[in-house]
Amino acid sequence: MSSVGTTGLEAATQSPGLLAAVDQHVAGIRDSLSSDVRPLTPIILAAYKHGWRAPAGPIDWTGNDWVLNRLLAVCSLARTLT
């Protein structure tokens, strides 16, 4: 949350496109958690990161990075649990 969530969720409030992308990822994650034939597992979650490196320095949220958007969706879901 501290690496991606704080700045990303703030950026999403300023960008309808980013917010829409995050909402789509949230829906996909919820589907996987509740009804997917192949639920999320640690191995599948780890596969999201295969070959991906976190950006150095400030994150450019206009880049539409799939993994960053997915991580931001996870942060958004986690925030609803607290």
N, C-alpha and C. Protein backbone atom coordinates (compact mmCIF):
# COMPACT_ATOMS: atom_id res chain seq x y z
N MET A 1 0.82 -1.18 0.00
CA MET A 1 0.00 0.00 0.00
C MET A 1 0.87 1.25 0.00
N SER A 2 1.95 1.24 0.77
CA SER A 2 2.79 2.43 0.83
C SER A 2 3.54 2.67 -0.46
N SER A 3 3.86 1.63 -1.22
CA SER A 3 4.62 1.81 -2.46
C SER A 3 3.74 2.22 -3.62
N VAL A 4 2.54 1.66 -3.69
CA VAL A 4 1.69 1.85 -4.86
C VAL A 4 0.37 2.51 -4.49
N GLY A 5 -0.25 2.02 -3.43
CA GLY A 5 -1.62 2.39 -3.11
C GLY A 5 -1.84 3.85 -2.81
N THR A 6 -1.02 4.43 -1.98
CA THR A 6 -1.27 5.80 -1.55
C THR A 6 -1.26 6.77 -2.73
N THR A 7 -0.18 6.76 -3.50
CA THR A 7 -0.10 7.69 -4.64
C THR A 7 -1.05 7.29 -5.76
N GLY A 8 -1.20 5.99 -5.97
CA GLY A 8 -2.06 5.52 -7.06
C GLY A 8 -3.52 5.81 -6.83
N LEU A 9 -4.00 5.59 -5.60
CA LEU A 9 -5.41 5.87 -5.32
C LEU A 9 -5.70 7.36 -5.40
N GLU A 10 -4.74 8.17 -5.00
CA GLU A 10 -4.89 9.62 -5.16
C GLU A 10 -4.92 10.00 -6.64
N ALA A 11 -4.03 9.39 -7.43
CA ALA A 11 -4.01 9.66 -8.87
C ALA A 11 -5.32 9.24 -9.53
N ALA A 12 -5.90 8.14 -9.07
CA ALA A 12 -7.16 7.65 -9.65
C ALA A 12 -8.31 8.61 -9.40
N THR A 13 -8.27 9.34 -8.29
CA THR A 13 -9.33 10.32 -8.04
C THR A 13 -9.25 11.48 -9.01
N GLN A 14 -8.09 11.69 -9.62
CA GLN A 14 -7.88 12.79 -10.57
C GLN A 14 -7.97 12.35 -12.03
N SER A 15 -8.03 11.03 -12.26
CA SER A 15 -8.00 10.53 -13.63
C SER A 15 -9.12 9.51 -13.85
N PRO A 16 -10.18 9.91 -14.59
CA PRO A 16 -11.27 8.97 -14.84
C PRO A 16 -10.82 7.69 -15.56
N GLY A 17 -9.83 7.82 -16.44
CA GLY A 17 -9.33 6.65 -17.16
C GLY A 17 -8.65 5.65 -16.23
N LEU A 18 -7.81 6.16 -15.33
CA LEU A 18 -7.14 5.28 -14.37
C LEU A 18 -8.17 4.66 -13.43
N LEU A 19 -9.12 5.45 -12.98
CA LEU A 19 -10.15 4.94 -12.09
C LEU A 19 -10.95 3.82 -12.76
N ALA A 20 -11.27 3.99 -14.03
CA ALA A 20 -12.00 2.96 -14.77
C ALA A 20 -11.16 1.69 -14.91
N ALA A 21 -9.88 1.84 -15.19
CA ALA A 21 -9.00 0.66 -15.30
C ALA A 21 -8.91 -0.07 -13.98
N VAL A 22 -8.77 0.67 -12.89
CA VAL A 22 -8.69 0.05 -11.56
C VAL A 22 -10.00 -0.65 -11.24
N ASP A 23 -11.13 -0.02 -11.55
CA ASP A 23 -12.43 -0.64 -11.29
C ASP A 23 -12.58 -1.96 -12.06
N GLN A 24 -12.08 -2.01 -13.29
CA GLN A 24 -12.14 -3.25 -14.06
C GLN A 24 -11.27 -4.33 -13.42
N HIS A 25 -10.11 -3.95 -12.93
CA HIS A 25 -9.26 -4.92 -12.24
C HIS A 25 -9.90 -5.39 -10.94
N VAL A 26 -10.52 -4.47 -10.20
CA VAL A 26 -11.21 -4.85 -8.97
C VAL A 26 -12.28 -5.90 -9.29
N ALA A 27 -13.05 -5.67 -10.34
CA ALA A 27 -14.09 -6.62 -10.72
C ALA A 27 -13.49 -7.98 -11.08
N GLY A 28 -12.38 -7.97 -11.79
CA GLY A 28 -11.72 -9.22 -12.15
C GLY A 28 -11.20 -9.98 -10.94
N ILE A 29 -10.66 -9.25 -10.00
CA ILE A 29 -10.15 -9.88 -8.78
C ILE A 29 -11.31 -10.46 -7.98
N ARG A 30 -12.38 -9.69 -7.85
CA ARG A 30 -13.56 -10.19 -7.12
C ARG A 30 -14.11 -11.45 -7.77
N ASP A 31 -14.18 -11.47 -9.10
CA ASP A 31 -14.66 -12.66 -9.80
C ASP A 31 -13.76 -13.85 -9.50
N SER A 32 -12.47 -13.64 -9.52
CA SER A 32 -11.52 -14.72 -9.25
C SER A 32 -11.65 -15.24 -7.83
N LEU A 33 -11.90 -14.33 -6.90
CA LEU A 33 -12.02 -14.74 -5.51
C LEU A 33 -13.32 -15.46 -5.21
N SER A 34 -14.37 -15.14 -5.96
CA SER A 34 -15.67 -15.69 -5.60
C SER A 34 -16.18 -16.81 -6.50
N SER A 35 -15.89 -16.74 -7.79
CA SER A 35 -16.55 -17.71 -8.66
C SER A 35 -15.68 -18.31 -9.75
N ASP A 36 -14.48 -17.90 -9.85
CA ASP A 36 -13.61 -18.39 -10.93
C ASP A 36 -13.35 -19.87 -10.73
N VAL A 37 -13.30 -20.60 -11.84
CA VAL A 37 -12.98 -22.02 -11.78
C VAL A 37 -11.58 -22.21 -11.23
N ARG A 38 -10.70 -21.29 -11.55
CA ARG A 38 -9.32 -21.35 -11.09
C ARG A 38 -9.08 -20.16 -10.16
N PRO A 39 -9.34 -20.34 -8.87
CA PRO A 39 -9.19 -19.20 -7.95
C PRO A 39 -7.74 -18.73 -7.84
N LEU A 40 -7.60 -17.51 -7.36
CA LEU A 40 -6.26 -16.97 -7.17
C LEU A 40 -5.51 -17.78 -6.12
N THR A 41 -4.27 -18.04 -6.41
CA THR A 41 -3.38 -18.75 -5.48
C THR A 41 -2.10 -17.94 -5.37
N PRO A 42 -1.25 -18.24 -4.38
CA PRO A 42 0.03 -17.53 -4.31
C PRO A 42 0.86 -17.66 -5.59
N ILE A 43 0.78 -18.80 -6.24
CA ILE A 43 1.56 -19.00 -7.47
C ILE A 43 1.03 -18.10 -8.59
N ILE A 44 -0.28 -18.03 -8.73
CA ILE A 44 -0.86 -17.17 -9.77
C ILE A 44 -0.57 -15.71 -9.47
N LEU A 45 -0.70 -15.32 -8.20
CA LEU A 45 -0.38 -13.93 -7.84
C LEU A 45 1.08 -13.61 -8.12
N ALA A 46 1.96 -14.56 -7.84
CA ALA A 46 3.39 -14.34 -8.10
C ALA A 46 3.65 -14.21 -9.60
N ALA A 47 2.87 -14.87 -10.41
CA ALA A 47 3.05 -14.81 -11.86
C ALA A 47 2.82 -13.40 -12.39
N TYR A 48 2.01 -12.61 -11.70
CA TYR A 48 1.81 -11.23 -12.13
C TYR A 48 3.14 -10.49 -12.17
N LYS A 49 4.04 -10.85 -11.31
CA LYS A 49 5.30 -10.12 -11.20
C LYS A 49 6.39 -10.66 -12.09
N HIS A 50 6.20 -11.79 -12.74
CA HIS A 50 7.24 -12.42 -13.53
C HIS A 50 7.78 -11.45 -14.58
N GLY A 51 9.03 -11.10 -14.45
CA GLY A 51 9.66 -10.21 -15.40
C GLY A 51 9.34 -8.74 -15.22
N TRP A 52 8.54 -8.41 -14.24
CA TRP A 52 8.14 -7.03 -14.01
C TRP A 52 8.98 -6.42 -12.90
N ARG A 53 9.35 -5.19 -13.07
CA ARG A 53 10.11 -4.47 -12.04
C ARG A 53 9.37 -3.19 -11.68
N ALA A 54 9.34 -2.91 -10.40
CA ALA A 54 8.70 -1.68 -9.94
C ALA A 54 9.47 -0.49 -10.50
N PRO A 55 8.77 0.55 -10.88
CA PRO A 55 9.45 1.73 -11.40
C PRO A 55 10.35 2.37 -10.33
N ALA A 56 11.46 2.87 -10.77
CA ALA A 56 12.34 3.62 -9.86
C ALA A 56 11.85 5.05 -9.83
N GLY A 57 11.72 5.60 -8.66
CA GLY A 57 11.25 6.98 -8.54
C GLY A 57 9.74 7.06 -8.61
N PRO A 58 9.23 8.26 -8.85
CA PRO A 58 7.78 8.45 -8.89
C PRO A 58 7.14 7.64 -10.01
N ILE A 59 5.94 7.15 -9.76
CA ILE A 59 5.23 6.33 -10.73
C ILE A 59 4.44 7.23 -11.68
N ASP A 60 4.56 6.94 -12.97
CA ASP A 60 3.79 7.64 -14.00
C ASP A 60 2.49 6.87 -14.19
N TRP A 61 1.41 7.36 -13.60
CA TRP A 61 0.14 6.66 -13.64
C TRP A 61 -0.56 6.79 -14.99
N THR A 62 -0.01 7.58 -15.91
CA THR A 62 -0.61 7.70 -17.23
C THR A 62 -0.12 6.59 -18.16
N GLY A 63 0.83 5.78 -17.71
CA GLY A 63 1.44 4.75 -18.55
C GLY A 63 0.59 3.52 -18.79
N ASN A 64 -0.51 3.35 -18.07
CA ASN A 64 -1.40 2.20 -18.23
C ASN A 64 -0.65 0.87 -18.12
N ASP A 65 0.15 0.73 -17.08
CA ASP A 65 0.88 -0.50 -16.80
C ASP A 65 -0.08 -1.51 -16.15
N TRP A 66 -0.27 -2.66 -16.79
CA TRP A 66 -1.24 -3.65 -16.33
C TRP A 66 -0.95 -4.08 -14.90
N VAL A 67 0.29 -4.40 -14.60
CA VAL A 67 0.64 -4.88 -13.27
C VAL A 67 0.42 -3.79 -12.22
N LEU A 68 0.82 -2.57 -12.51
CA LEU A 68 0.59 -1.49 -11.56
C LEU A 68 -0.91 -1.28 -11.32
N ASN A 69 -1.69 -1.34 -12.38
CA ASN A 69 -3.13 -1.18 -12.21
C ASN A 69 -3.72 -2.32 -11.39
N ARG A 70 -3.22 -3.52 -11.59
CA ARG A 70 -3.70 -4.68 -10.82
C ARG A 70 -3.32 -4.53 -9.35
N LEU A 71 -2.07 -4.13 -9.10
CA LEU A 71 -1.65 -3.91 -7.72
C LEU A 71 -2.47 -2.80 -7.06
N LEU A 72 -2.76 -1.77 -7.82
CA LEU A 72 -3.57 -0.67 -7.30
C LEU A 72 -4.99 -1.17 -6.97
N ALA A 73 -5.52 -2.05 -7.79
CA ALA A 73 -6.83 -2.64 -7.51
C ALA A 73 -6.81 -3.46 -6.22
N VAL A 74 -5.73 -4.20 -6.00
CA VAL A 74 -5.58 -4.96 -4.75
C VAL A 74 -5.56 -3.99 -3.57
N CYS A 75 -4.85 -2.90 -3.70
CA CYS A 75 -4.81 -1.88 -2.63
C CYS A 75 -6.20 -1.30 -2.39
N SER A 76 -6.93 -1.06 -3.47
CA SER A 76 -8.27 -0.51 -3.33
C SER A 76 -9.18 -1.49 -2.59
N LEU A 77 -9.09 -2.76 -2.93
CA LEU A 77 -9.87 -3.77 -2.22
C LEU A 77 -9.46 -3.88 -0.75
N ALA A 78 -8.18 -3.85 -0.51
CA ALA A 78 -7.68 -3.95 0.87
C ALA A 78 -8.18 -2.78 1.71
N ARG A 79 -8.25 -1.62 1.11
CA ARG A 79 -8.72 -0.44 1.83
C ARG A 79 -10.17 -0.60 2.28
N THR A 80 -10.96 -1.34 1.52
CA THR A 80 -12.36 -1.55 1.90
C THR A 80 -12.51 -2.52 3.06
N LEU A 81 -11.45 -3.27 3.36
CA LEU A 81 -11.51 -4.25 4.44
C LEU A 81 -11.19 -3.66 5.80
N THR A 82 -10.64 -2.46 5.83
CA THR A 82 -10.25 -1.88 7.11
C THR A 82 -11.32 -1.00 7.68
